[in-house]
């Protein structure tokens, strides 16, 4: 994902949770796909306040995602929007 487009505007998805989604490459086994669905569902729950920070970060870590780096990249993207 590139945060800058040709016209120097920042890309913002219709649903902000899209910035926290993950994907898997095909062919992925069922366990990997289920993990992706869990992580993507958790992003929406976390952003809506239905899941606390600790639980979300632990879930990311459980699936092999560095939570600080992953969320940090999204925070950097959003910080650019606030300039």
PDB file of N, CA and C in Angstrom:
ATOM      1  N   UNK A   1       0.848  -1.175   0.000  1.00  0.00           N
ATOM      2  CA  UNK A   1       0.000   0.000   0.000  1.00  0.00           C
ATOM      3  C   UNK A   1       0.884   1.225   0.000  1.00  0.00           C
ATOM      4  N   UNK A   2       0.590   2.128  -0.853  1.00  0.00           N
ATOM      5  CA  UNK A   2       1.280   3.406  -0.875  1.00  0.00           C
ATOM      6  C   UNK A   2       0.351   4.459  -0.298  1.00  0.00           C
ATOM      7  N   UNK A   3       0.859   5.254   0.624  1.00  0.00           N
ATOM      8  CA  UNK A   3      -0.003   6.261   1.247  1.00  0.00           C
ATOM      9  C   UNK A   3      -0.149   7.503   0.388  1.00  0.00           C
ATOM     10  N   UNK A   4       0.689   7.633  -0.614  1.00  0.00           N
ATOM     11  CA  UNK A   4       0.581   8.802  -1.489  1.00  0.00           C
ATOM     12  C   UNK A   4       0.165   8.360  -2.886  1.00  0.00           C
ATOM     13  N   UNK A   5      -0.705   9.105  -3.464  1.00  0.00           N
ATOM     14  CA  UNK A   5      -1.120   8.811  -4.830  1.00  0.00           C
ATOM     15  C   UNK A   5      -0.414   9.764  -5.781  1.00  0.00           C
ATOM     16  N   UNK A   6      -0.682   9.634  -7.066  1.00  0.00           N
ATOM     17  CA  UNK A   6      -0.043  10.492  -8.062  1.00  0.00           C
ATOM     18  C   UNK A   6      -0.356  11.968  -7.856  1.00  0.00           C
ATOM     19  N   UNK A   7      -1.513  12.262  -7.290  1.00  0.00           N
ATOM     20  CA  UNK A   7      -1.870  13.668  -7.090  1.00  0.00           C
ATOM     21  C   UNK A   7      -1.546  14.152  -5.673  1.00  0.00           C
ATOM     22  N   UNK A   8      -0.705  13.422  -4.970  1.00  0.00           N
ATOM     23  CA  UNK A   8      -0.213  13.786  -3.635  1.00  0.00           C
ATOM     24  C   UNK A   8      -1.298  13.835  -2.565  1.00  0.00           C
ATOM     25  N   UNK A   9      -2.387  13.116  -2.774  1.00  0.00           N
ATOM     26  CA  UNK A   9      -3.404  12.995  -1.743  1.00  0.00           C
ATOM     27  C   UNK A   9      -3.182  11.707  -0.978  1.00  0.00           C
ATOM     28  N   UNK A  10      -3.523  11.713   0.289  1.00  0.00           N
ATOM     29  CA  UNK A  10      -3.394  10.505   1.091  1.00  0.00           C
ATOM     30  C   UNK A  10      -4.610   9.626   0.892  1.00  0.00           C
ATOM     31  N   UNK A  11      -4.366   8.338   0.805  1.00  0.00           N
ATOM     32  CA  UNK A  11      -5.437   7.375   0.624  1.00  0.00           C
ATOM     33  C   UNK A  11      -6.061   7.059   1.976  1.00  0.00           C
ATOM     34  N   UNK A  12      -7.359   7.154   2.074  1.00  0.00           N
ATOM     35  CA  UNK A  12      -8.088   6.789   3.281  1.00  0.00           C
ATOM     36  C   UNK A  12      -9.221   5.866   2.852  1.00  0.00           C
ATOM     37  N   UNK A  13      -9.271   4.673   3.438  1.00  0.00           N
ATOM     38  CA  UNK A  13     -10.336   3.740   3.052  1.00  0.00           C
ATOM     39  C   UNK A  13     -11.689   4.193   3.600  1.00  0.00           C
ATOM     40  N   UNK A  14     -12.762   3.717   3.020  1.00  0.00           N
ATOM     41  CA  UNK A  14     -14.100   4.067   3.508  1.00  0.00           C
ATOM     42  C   UNK A  14     -14.304   3.639   4.964  1.00  0.00           C
ATOM     43  N   UNK A  15     -13.751   2.506   5.335  1.00  0.00           N
ATOM     44  CA  UNK A  15     -13.824   2.017   6.713  1.00  0.00           C
ATOM     45  C   UNK A  15     -12.405   2.004   7.264  1.00  0.00           C
ATOM     46  N   UNK A  16     -12.154   2.793   8.293  1.00  0.00           N
ATOM     47  CA  UNK A  16     -10.797   2.947   8.826  1.00  0.00           C
ATOM     48  C   UNK A  16     -10.193   1.611   9.284  1.00  0.00           C
ATOM     49  N   UNK A  17     -11.028   0.641   9.625  1.00  0.00           N
ATOM     50  CA  UNK A  17     -10.498  -0.662  10.035  1.00  0.00           C
ATOM     51  C   UNK A  17      -9.786  -1.368   8.883  1.00  0.00           C
ATOM     52  N   UNK A  18     -10.056  -0.926   7.649  1.00  0.00           N
ATOM     53  CA  UNK A  18      -9.356  -1.511   6.498  1.00  0.00           C
ATOM     54  C   UNK A  18      -7.847  -1.298   6.583  1.00  0.00           C
ATOM     55  N   UNK A  19      -7.417  -0.262   7.293  1.00  0.00           N
ATOM     56  CA  UNK A  19      -5.987  -0.024   7.469  1.00  0.00           C
ATOM     57  C   UNK A  19      -5.332  -1.096   8.334  1.00  0.00           C
ATOM     58  N   UNK A  20      -6.144  -1.822   9.091  1.00  0.00           N
ATOM     59  CA  UNK A  20      -5.624  -2.855   9.990  1.00  0.00           C
ATOM     60  C   UNK A  20      -5.915  -4.264   9.503  1.00  0.00           C
ATOM     61  N   UNK A  21      -6.327  -4.419   8.266  1.00  0.00           N
ATOM     62  CA  UNK A  21      -6.615  -5.758   7.759  1.00  0.00           C
ATOM     63  C   UNK A  21      -5.352  -6.443   7.263  1.00  0.00           C
ATOM     64  N   UNK A  22      -5.388  -7.745   7.306  1.00  0.00           N
ATOM     65  CA  UNK A  22      -4.287  -8.557   6.802  1.00  0.00           C
ATOM     66  C   UNK A  22      -4.836  -9.481   5.725  1.00  0.00           C
ATOM     67  N   UNK A  23      -3.962 -10.000   4.911  1.00  0.00           N
ATOM     68  CA  UNK A  23      -4.366 -10.948   3.883  1.00  0.00           C
ATOM     69  C   UNK A  23      -3.360 -12.093   3.845  1.00  0.00           C
ATOM     70  N   UNK A  24      -3.752 -13.167   3.209  1.00  0.00           N
ATOM     71  CA  UNK A  24      -2.865 -14.311   3.047  1.00  0.00           C
ATOM     72  C   UNK A  24      -2.719 -14.592   1.564  1.00  0.00           C
ATOM     73  N   UNK A  25      -1.621 -15.206   1.214  1.00  0.00           N
ATOM     74  CA  UNK A  25      -1.392 -15.547  -0.180  1.00  0.00           C
ATOM     75  C   UNK A  25      -1.992 -16.912  -0.490  1.00  0.00           C
ATOM     76  N   UNK A  26      -2.477 -17.044  -1.697  1.00  0.00           N
ATOM     77  CA  UNK A  26      -3.026 -18.324  -2.133  1.00  0.00           C
ATOM     78  C   UNK A  26      -1.887 -19.226  -2.580  1.00  0.00           C
ATOM     79  N   UNK A  27      -1.941 -20.476  -2.414  1.00  0.00           N
ATOM     80  CA  UNK A  27      -2.973 -21.184  -1.668  1.00  0.00           C
ATOM     81  C   UNK A  27      -2.619 -21.211  -0.179  1.00  0.00           C
ATOM     82  N   UNK A  28      -3.540 -20.807   0.644  1.00  0.00           N
ATOM     83  CA  UNK A  28      -3.340 -20.830   2.091  1.00  0.00           C
ATOM     84  C   UNK A  28      -4.211 -21.938   2.678  1.00  0.00           C
ATOM     85  N   UNK A  29      -3.702 -22.573   3.715  1.00  0.00           N
ATOM     86  CA  UNK A  29      -4.496 -23.634   4.338  1.00  0.00           C
ATOM     87  C   UNK A  29      -5.629 -23.028   5.166  1.00  0.00           C
ATOM     88  N   UNK A  30      -6.559 -23.859   5.575  1.00  0.00           N
ATOM     89  CA  UNK A  30      -7.741 -23.392   6.308  1.00  0.00           C
ATOM     90  C   UNK A  30      -7.375 -22.691   7.606  1.00  0.00           C
ATOM     91  N   UNK A  31      -6.369 -23.179   8.299  1.00  0.00           N
ATOM     92  CA  UNK A  31      -5.960 -22.577   9.568  1.00  0.00           C
ATOM     93  C   UNK A  31      -5.467 -21.155   9.345  1.00  0.00           C
ATOM     94  N   UNK A  32      -4.691 -20.946   8.296  1.00  0.00           N
ATOM     95  CA  UNK A  32      -4.173 -19.617   7.989  1.00  0.00           C
ATOM     96  C   UNK A  32      -5.301 -18.662   7.621  1.00  0.00           C
ATOM     97  N   UNK A  33      -6.241 -19.128   6.830  1.00  0.00           N
ATOM     98  CA  UNK A  33      -7.387 -18.296   6.439  1.00  0.00           C
ATOM     99  C   UNK A  33      -8.229 -17.948   7.666  1.00  0.00           C
ATOM    100  N   UNK A  34      -8.457 -18.916   8.537  1.00  0.00           N
ATOM    101  CA  UNK A  34      -9.224 -18.646   9.761  1.00  0.00           C
ATOM    102  C   UNK A  34      -8.501 -17.618  10.627  1.00  0.00           C
ATOM    103  N   UNK A  35      -7.181 -17.717  10.710  1.00  0.00           N
ATOM    104  CA  UNK A  35      -6.394 -16.737  11.461  1.00  0.00           C
ATOM    105  C   UNK A  35      -6.560 -15.337  10.884  1.00  0.00           C
ATOM    106  N   UNK A  36      -6.536 -15.235   9.557  1.00  0.00           N
ATOM    107  CA  UNK A  36      -6.731 -13.949   8.897  1.00  0.00           C
ATOM    108  C   UNK A  36      -8.098 -13.362   9.253  1.00  0.00           C
ATOM    109  N   UNK A  37      -9.129 -14.198   9.223  1.00  0.00           N
ATOM    110  CA  UNK A  37     -10.475 -13.732   9.552  1.00  0.00           C
ATOM    111  C   UNK A  37     -10.576 -13.274  11.001  1.00  0.00           C
ATOM    112  N   UNK A  38      -9.906 -13.983  11.901  1.00  0.00           N
ATOM    113  CA  UNK A  38      -9.910 -13.599  13.312  1.00  0.00           C
ATOM    114  C   UNK A  38      -9.225 -12.247  13.501  1.00  0.00           C
ATOM    115  N   UNK A  39      -8.049 -12.080  12.896  1.00  0.00           N
ATOM    116  CA  UNK A  39      -7.300 -10.829  13.023  1.00  0.00           C
ATOM    117  C   UNK A  39      -8.094  -9.667  12.426  1.00  0.00           C
ATOM    118  N   UNK A  40      -8.701  -9.871  11.276  1.00  0.00           N
ATOM    119  CA  UNK A  40      -9.467  -8.799  10.645  1.00  0.00           C
ATOM    120  C   UNK A  40     -10.719  -8.443  11.442  1.00  0.00           C
ATOM    121  N   UNK A  41     -11.376  -9.435  12.003  1.00  0.00           N
ATOM    122  CA  UNK A  41     -12.531  -9.163  12.853  1.00  0.00           C
ATOM    123  C   UNK A  41     -12.135  -8.436  14.124  1.00  0.00           C
ATOM    124  N   UNK A  42     -10.992  -8.796  14.672  1.00  0.00           N
ATOM    125  CA  UNK A  42     -10.502  -8.156  15.892  1.00  0.00           C
ATOM    126  C   UNK A  42     -10.187  -6.683  15.655  1.00  0.00           C
ATOM    127  N   UNK A  43      -9.732  -6.338  14.454  1.00  0.00           N
ATOM    128  CA  UNK A  43      -9.432  -4.928  14.142  1.00  0.00           C
ATOM    129  C   UNK A  43     -10.691  -4.078  14.308  1.00  0.00           C
ATOM    130  N   UNK A  44     -11.801  -4.550  13.787  1.00  0.00           N
ATOM    131  CA  UNK A  44     -13.057  -3.810  13.919  1.00  0.00           C
ATOM    132  C   UNK A  44     -13.495  -3.714  15.367  1.00  0.00           C
ATOM    133  N   UNK A  45     -13.348  -4.810  16.094  1.00  0.00           N
ATOM    134  CA  UNK A  45     -13.723  -4.803  17.508  1.00  0.00           C
ATOM    135  C   UNK A  45     -12.861  -3.838  18.314  1.00  0.00           C
ATOM    136  N   UNK A  46     -11.570  -3.831  18.023  1.00  0.00           N
ATOM    137  CA  UNK A  46     -10.645  -2.962  18.744  1.00  0.00           C
ATOM    138  C   UNK A  46     -10.956  -1.497  18.475  1.00  0.00           C
ATOM    139  N   UNK A  47     -11.164  -1.163  17.203  1.00  0.00           N
ATOM    140  CA  UNK A  47     -11.442   0.229  16.856  1.00  0.00           C
ATOM    141  C   UNK A  47     -12.782   0.716  17.400  1.00  0.00           C
ATOM    142  N   UNK A  48     -13.722  -0.181  17.574  1.00  0.00           N
ATOM    143  CA  UNK A  48     -15.031   0.215  18.115  1.00  0.00           C
ATOM    144  C   UNK A  48     -15.052   0.243  19.635  1.00  0.00           C
ATOM    145  N   UNK A  49     -13.964  -0.204  20.260  1.00  0.00           N
ATOM    146  CA  UNK A  49     -13.899  -0.224  21.715  1.00  0.00           C
ATOM    147  C   UNK A  49     -14.430  -1.510  22.332  1.00  0.00           C
ATOM    148  N   UNK A  50     -14.832  -2.460  21.496  1.00  0.00           N
ATOM    149  CA  UNK A  50     -15.350  -3.730  21.997  1.00  0.00           C
ATOM    150  C   UNK A  50     -14.230  -4.664  22.453  1.00  0.00           C
ATOM    151  N   UNK A  51     -12.987  -4.343  22.108  1.00  0.00           N
ATOM    152  CA  UNK A  51     -11.828  -5.140  22.515  1.00  0.00           C
ATOM    153  C   UNK A  51     -10.778  -4.186  23.064  1.00  0.00           C
ATOM    154  N   UNK A  52     -10.178  -4.561  24.199  1.00  0.00           N
ATOM    155  CA  UNK A  52      -9.167  -3.693  24.792  1.00  0.00           C
ATOM    156  C   UNK A  52      -7.814  -3.851  24.092  1.00  0.00           C
ATOM    157  N   UNK A  53      -6.940  -2.887  24.328  1.00  0.00           N
ATOM    158  CA  UNK A  53      -5.619  -2.870  23.688  1.00  0.00           C
ATOM    159  C   UNK A  53      -4.832  -4.141  23.967  1.00  0.00           C
ATOM    160  N   UNK A  54      -4.803  -4.558  25.222  1.00  0.00           N
ATOM    161  CA  UNK A  54      -4.012  -5.735  25.599  1.00  0.00           C
ATOM    162  C   UNK A  54      -4.458  -6.959  24.803  1.00  0.00           C
ATOM    163  N   UNK A  55      -5.755  -7.195  24.758  1.00  0.00           N
ATOM    164  CA  UNK A  55      -6.281  -8.366  24.054  1.00  0.00           C
ATOM    165  C   UNK A  55      -5.954  -8.305  22.567  1.00  0.00           C
ATOM    166  N   UNK A  56      -6.126  -7.137  21.966  1.00  0.00           N
ATOM    167  CA  UNK A  56      -5.846  -6.986  20.528  1.00  0.00           C
ATOM    168  C   UNK A  56      -4.365  -7.229  20.249  1.00  0.00           C
ATOM    169  N   UNK A  57      -3.500  -6.632  21.039  1.00  0.00           N
ATOM    170  CA  UNK A  57      -2.066  -6.797  20.822  1.00  0.00           C
ATOM    171  C   UNK A  57      -1.629  -8.238  21.061  1.00  0.00           C
ATOM    172  N   UNK A  58      -2.202  -8.892  22.051  1.00  0.00           N
ATOM    173  CA  UNK A  58      -1.889 -10.301  22.299  1.00  0.00           C
ATOM    174  C   UNK A  58      -2.356 -11.178  21.141  1.00  0.00           C
ATOM    175  N   UNK A  59      -3.511 -10.866  20.598  1.00  0.00           N
ATOM    176  CA  UNK A  59      -4.028 -11.633  19.467  1.00  0.00           C
ATOM    177  C   UNK A  59      -3.115 -11.475  18.255  1.00  0.00           C
ATOM    178  N   UNK A  60      -2.691 -10.248  17.961  1.00  0.00           N
ATOM    179  CA  UNK A  60      -1.763 -10.037  16.850  1.00  0.00           C
ATOM    180  C   UNK A  60      -0.485 -10.847  17.065  1.00  0.00           C
ATOM    181  N   UNK A  61       0.051 -10.769  18.255  1.00  0.00           N
ATOM    182  CA  UNK A  61       1.285 -11.494  18.576  1.00  0.00           C
ATOM    183  C   UNK A  61       1.088 -13.000  18.418  1.00  0.00           C
ATOM    184  N   UNK A  62      -0.060 -13.491  18.840  1.00  0.00           N
ATOM    185  CA  UNK A  62      -0.362 -14.926  18.731  1.00  0.00           C
ATOM    186  C   UNK A  62      -0.288 -15.397  17.273  1.00  0.00           C
ATOM    187  N   UNK A  63      -0.701 -14.537  16.362  1.00  0.00           N
ATOM    188  CA  UNK A  63      -0.688 -14.905  14.942  1.00  0.00           C
ATOM    189  C   UNK A  63       0.591 -14.467  14.233  1.00  0.00           C
ATOM    190  N   UNK A  64       1.610 -14.108  14.997  1.00  0.00           N
ATOM    191  CA  UNK A  64       2.916 -13.801  14.419  1.00  0.00           C
ATOM    192  C   UNK A  64       3.061 -12.407  13.840  1.00  0.00           C
ATOM    193  N   UNK A  65       2.205 -11.494  14.260  1.00  0.00           N
ATOM    194  CA  UNK A  65       2.271 -10.106  13.799  1.00  0.00           C
ATOM    195  C   UNK A  65       2.829  -9.258  14.934  1.00  0.00           C
ATOM    196  N   UNK A  66       3.876  -8.501  14.654  1.00  0.00           N
ATOM    197  CA  UNK A  66       4.441  -7.597  15.655  1.00  0.00           C
ATOM    198  C   UNK A  66       3.438  -6.462  15.869  1.00  0.00           C
ATOM    199  N   UNK A  67       2.742  -6.449  17.014  1.00  0.00           N
ATOM    200  CA  UNK A  67       1.670  -5.470  17.203  1.00  0.00           C
ATOM    201  C   UNK A  67       2.154  -4.024  17.203  1.00  0.00           C
ATOM    202  N   UNK A  68       3.305  -3.769  17.800  1.00  0.00           N
ATOM    203  CA  UNK A  68       3.808  -2.398  17.857  1.00  0.00           C
ATOM    204  C   UNK A  68       4.133  -1.885  16.466  1.00  0.00           C
ATOM    205  N   UNK A  69       4.776  -2.702  15.662  1.00  0.00           N
ATOM    206  CA  UNK A  69       5.121  -2.296  14.299  1.00  0.00           C
ATOM    207  C   UNK A  69       3.865  -2.162  13.442  1.00  0.00           C
ATOM    208  N   UNK A  70       2.975  -3.134  13.535  1.00  0.00           N
ATOM    209  CA  UNK A  70       1.764  -3.165  12.718  1.00  0.00           C
ATOM    210  C   UNK A  70       0.882  -1.951  12.995  1.00  0.00           C
ATOM    211  N   UNK A  71       0.576  -1.715  14.252  1.00  0.00           N
ATOM    212  CA  UNK A  71      -0.284  -0.586  14.617  1.00  0.00           C
ATOM    213  C   UNK A  71       0.476   0.729  14.424  1.00  0.00           C
ATOM    214  N   UNK A  72       1.788   0.711  14.653  1.00  0.00           N
ATOM    215  CA  UNK A  72       2.595   1.916  14.473  1.00  0.00           C
ATOM    216  C   UNK A  72       2.549   2.442  13.048  1.00  0.00           C
ATOM    217  N   UNK A  73       2.564   1.545  12.078  1.00  0.00           N
ATOM    218  CA  UNK A  73       2.484   1.970  10.676  1.00  0.00           C
ATOM    219  C   UNK A  73       1.156   2.656  10.387  1.00  0.00           C
ATOM    220  N   UNK A  74       0.091   2.151  10.972  1.00  0.00           N
ATOM    221  CA  UNK A  74      -1.223   2.770  10.784  1.00  0.00           C
ATOM    222  C   UNK A  74      -1.259   4.127  11.483  1.00  0.00           C
ATOM    223  N   UNK A  75      -0.684   4.210  12.680  1.00  0.00           N
ATOM    224  CA  UNK A  75      -0.639   5.488  13.390  1.00  0.00           C
ATOM    225  C   UNK A  75       0.129   6.537  12.591  1.00  0.00           C
ATOM    226  N   UNK A  76       1.233   6.124  11.973  1.00  0.00           N
ATOM    227  CA  UNK A  76       2.006   7.055  11.144  1.00  0.00           C
ATOM    228  C   UNK A  76       1.164   7.547   9.971  1.00  0.00           C
ATOM    229  N   UNK A  77       0.429   6.644   9.358  1.00  0.00           N
ATOM    230  CA  UNK A  77      -0.428   7.004   8.226  1.00  0.00           C
ATOM    231  C   UNK A  77      -1.469   8.024   8.683  1.00  0.00           C
ATOM    232  N   UNK A  78      -2.121   7.764   9.807  1.00  0.00           N
ATOM    233  CA  UNK A  78      -3.146   8.670  10.300  1.00  0.00           C
ATOM    234  C   UNK A  78      -2.562  10.008  10.731  1.00  0.00           C
ATOM    235  N   UNK A  79      -1.345   9.988  11.279  1.00  0.00           N
ATOM    236  CA  UNK A  79      -0.699  11.239  11.676  1.00  0.00           C
ATOM    237  C   UNK A  79      -0.490  12.152  10.464  1.00  0.00           C
ATOM    238  N   UNK A  80      -0.191  11.569   9.315  1.00  0.00           N
ATOM    239  CA  UNK A  80      -0.030  12.364   8.105  1.00  0.00           C
ATOM    240  C   UNK A  80      -1.336  13.055   7.710  1.00  0.00           C
ATOM    241  N   UNK A  81      -2.442  12.420   8.026  1.00  0.00           N
ATOM    242  CA  UNK A  81      -3.743  13.003   7.705  1.00  0.00           C
ATOM    243  C   UNK A  81      -4.067  14.206   8.585  1.00  0.00           C
ATOM    244  N   UNK A  82      -3.451  14.252   9.749  1.00  0.00           N
ATOM    245  CA  UNK A  82      -3.772  15.304  10.704  1.00  0.00           C
ATOM    246  C   UNK A  82      -2.888  16.546  10.562  1.00  0.00           C
ATOM    247  N   UNK A  83      -1.942  16.489   9.646  1.00  0.00           N
ATOM    248  CA  UNK A  83      -1.029  17.633   9.462  1.00  0.00           C
ATOM    249  C   UNK A  83      -1.767  18.793   8.840  1.00  0.00           C
TER     250      UNK A  83
END
